[in-house]
Amino acid sequence: MKIRVILKKLSNPRVRRRLKIGLCVYGGVAIIGLLFKLVYDIGYFNAQSFTHDKNTGLAITHPVLNIESAQRIVSGALKEDPTNPQTMVTQIIDSNHNLSTIIIENNQLKKIAWIIDRRLFFTGDLFNDAGYNLTEGIEHQHNIKRGDR
């Protein structure tokens, strides 16, 4: 009996028009919501891929210094034969991409050496801005005797 009442009310043109308008508005809101969600997801994933690309770019521009790469830098700077170097890199103390500290050994004499920007190699004293001799501090820390001074 209730179904007949509902069908009778739905046969009225005014009720049909209002129902169509209501369904169209509801459908339009649902489509707009889906579009906003889709646009947000695309933007979010693009931002994540940008962050991922940025992080992978950092890994490429700042490679990790290992003993083999430090040995190549030292051999190239001292113009030694890379297959049979006389100066050996025995340890990497601090592998910073700007300033790396290494221990080299030549004729059983150990020294502290520095590699700047993965290219420049030097041995000698390095002072910080307070005047503290960093080379002496690291030599003392690793029990390396100063032979030439």
Protein backbone atom coordinates (compact mmCIF):
# COMPACT_ATOMS: atom_id res chain seq x y z
CA MET A 1 0.00 0.00 0.00
CA LYS A 2 2.81 2.43 0.81
CA ILE A 3 4.47 1.68 -2.52
CA ARG A 4 1.36 2.89 -4.35
CA VAL A 5 1.46 6.16 -2.41
CA ILE A 6 5.12 6.66 -3.31
CA LEU A 7 4.49 5.84 -6.97
CA LYS A 8 1.53 8.22 -7.04
CA LYS A 9 3.66 11.03 -5.61
CA LEU A 10 6.46 10.29 -8.08
CA SER A 11 4.06 10.58 -11.00
CA ASN A 12 3.51 14.24 -10.13
CA PRO A 13 5.63 16.36 -12.55
CA ARG A 14 6.64 18.85 -9.86
CA VAL A 15 8.01 16.04 -7.61
CA ARG A 16 9.84 14.49 -10.57
CA ARG A 17 11.47 17.78 -11.47
CA ARG A 18 12.57 18.39 -7.86
CA LEU A 19 13.89 14.83 -7.64
CA LYS A 20 15.88 15.26 -10.88
CA ILE A 21 17.31 18.57 -9.64
CA GLY A 22 18.24 17.02 -6.30
CA LEU A 23 19.90 14.02 -7.93
CA CYS A 24 21.81 16.26 -10.36
CA VAL A 25 23.05 18.48 -7.51
CA TYR A 26 24.05 15.42 -5.48
CA GLY A 27 25.82 13.87 -8.49
CA GLY A 28 27.57 17.17 -9.28
CA VAL A 29 28.85 17.48 -5.70
CA ALA A 30 30.10 13.87 -5.84
CA ILE A 31 31.92 14.48 -9.16
CA ILE A 32 33.49 17.72 -7.90
CA GLY A 33 34.63 15.90 -4.74
CA LEU A 34 36.20 13.13 -6.82
CA LEU A 35 37.94 15.69 -9.04
CA PHE A 36 39.37 17.51 -6.00
CA LYS A 37 40.57 14.19 -4.59
CA LEU A 38 42.18 13.24 -7.92
CA VAL A 39 43.92 16.61 -8.27
CA TYR A 40 45.17 16.41 -4.67
CA ASP A 41 46.53 12.89 -5.20
CA ILE A 42 48.32 13.88 -8.41
CA GLY A 43 49.87 16.91 -6.71
CA TYR A 44 50.86 14.85 -3.67
CA PHE A 45 52.52 12.15 -5.76
CA ASN A 46 54.32 14.76 -7.88
CA ALA A 47 55.62 16.40 -4.71
CA GLN A 48 56.78 13.03 -3.38
CA SER A 49 58.55 12.20 -6.63
CA PHE A 50 60.17 15.66 -6.61
CA THR A 51 61.42 15.05 -3.07
CA HIS A 52 62.66 11.59 -4.07
CA ASP A 53 64.45 13.01 -7.13
CA LYS A 54 65.96 15.74 -4.99
CA ASN A 55 67.24 13.19 -2.47
CA THR A 56 68.68 10.95 -5.17
CA GLY A 57 70.35 13.98 -6.72
CA LEU A 58 72.09 14.65 -3.41
CA ALA A 59 73.42 11.11 -3.38
CA ILE A 60 74.83 11.60 -6.86
CA THR A 61 76.42 14.97 -6.15
CA HIS A 62 77.90 13.88 -2.79
CA PRO A 63 79.32 10.38 -3.22
CA VAL A 64 80.57 8.51 -0.19
CA LEU A 65 84.32 8.55 0.28
CA ASN A 66 85.68 5.05 0.75
CA ILE A 67 89.27 3.81 1.03
CA GLU A 68 89.53 3.00 -2.70
CA SER A 69 88.36 6.44 -3.83
CA ALA A 70 90.58 8.13 -1.21
CA GLN A 71 93.53 6.06 -2.46
CA ARG A 72 92.87 7.22 -6.04
CA ILE A 73 92.75 10.86 -4.90
CA VAL A 74 96.00 10.50 -2.91
CA SER A 75 97.81 8.63 -5.70
CA GLY A 76 96.72 11.21 -8.25
CA ALA A 77 97.81 14.13 -6.06
CA LEU A 78 101.21 12.60 -5.29
CA LYS A 79 101.64 11.45 -8.91
CA GLU A 80 102.18 7.86 -7.86
CA ASP A 81 101.36 4.73 -9.82
CA PRO A 82 97.73 3.92 -8.88
CA THR A 83 98.35 0.16 -9.26
CA ASN A 84 101.38 0.19 -6.94
CA PRO A 85 101.20 3.30 -4.71
CA GLN A 86 103.90 4.05 -2.15
CA THR A 87 101.57 6.07 0.06
CA MET A 88 98.67 3.97 1.33
CA VAL A 89 95.40 5.19 2.82
CA THR A 90 94.94 3.10 5.96
CA GLN A 91 91.84 4.67 7.51
CA ILE A 92 89.13 7.24 6.89
CA ILE A 93 88.44 9.08 10.13
CA ASP A 94 85.73 11.49 9.02
CA SER A 95 83.99 11.26 5.65
CA ASN A 96 82.38 14.65 5.19
CA HIS A 97 81.58 15.72 1.62
CA ASN A 98 83.45 19.02 2.13
CA LEU A 99 86.41 18.03 4.32
CA SER A 100 87.45 14.42 4.91
CA THR A 101 90.13 13.31 7.35
CA ILE A 102 92.24 10.28 6.46
CA ILE A 103 95.32 8.50 7.80
CA ILE A 104 98.04 7.75 5.26
CA GLU A 105 101.12 5.60 5.68
CA ASN A 106 104.43 5.84 3.82
CA ASN A 107 107.50 3.81 4.95
CA GLN A 108 105.83 2.89 8.29
CA LEU A 109 105.30 6.60 9.00
CA LYS A 110 101.66 7.53 9.60
CA LYS A 111 100.31 11.02 8.96
CA ILE A 112 97.00 12.79 9.06
CA ALA A 113 95.89 14.05 5.66
CA TRP A 114 92.91 16.03 4.44
CA ILE A 115 90.76 15.75 1.31
CA ILE A 116 88.71 18.81 0.37
CA ASP A 117 85.65 18.48 -1.89
CA ARG A 118 86.71 14.98 -3.00
CA ARG A 119 89.46 16.54 -5.16
CA LEU A 120 92.16 18.38 -3.24
CA PHE A 121 94.60 16.47 -1.04
CA PHE A 122 97.03 17.95 1.47
CA THR A 123 99.01 17.02 4.53
CA GLY A 124 99.88 19.57 7.15
CA ASP A 125 98.33 21.43 10.02
CA LEU A 126 94.73 22.53 9.84
CA PHE A 127 93.44 25.08 12.34
CA ASN A 128 89.84 25.82 13.23
CA ASP A 129 88.49 29.35 13.75
CA ALA A 130 89.46 29.30 17.44
CA GLY A 131 93.08 28.57 16.59
CA TYR A 132 93.00 24.93 17.70
CA ASN A 133 95.29 22.64 15.66
CA LEU A 134 92.94 19.96 14.36
CA THR A 135 95.78 17.85 12.95
CA GLU A 136 97.53 17.66 16.31
CA GLY A 137 94.28 16.78 18.04
CA ILE A 138 93.51 13.92 15.66
CA GLU A 139 97.13 12.66 15.86
CA HIS A 140 96.86 12.62 19.64
CA GLN A 141 93.46 10.91 19.46
CA HIS A 142 94.78 8.11 17.21
CA ASN A 143 98.25 7.82 18.88
CA ILE A 144 100.20 8.94 15.82
CA LYS A 145 103.69 10.27 16.56
CA ARG A 146 104.85 13.37 14.72
CA GLY A 147 108.02 12.35 12.91
CA ASP A 148 109.01 15.51 11.04
CA ARG A 149 108.25 18.17 13.65
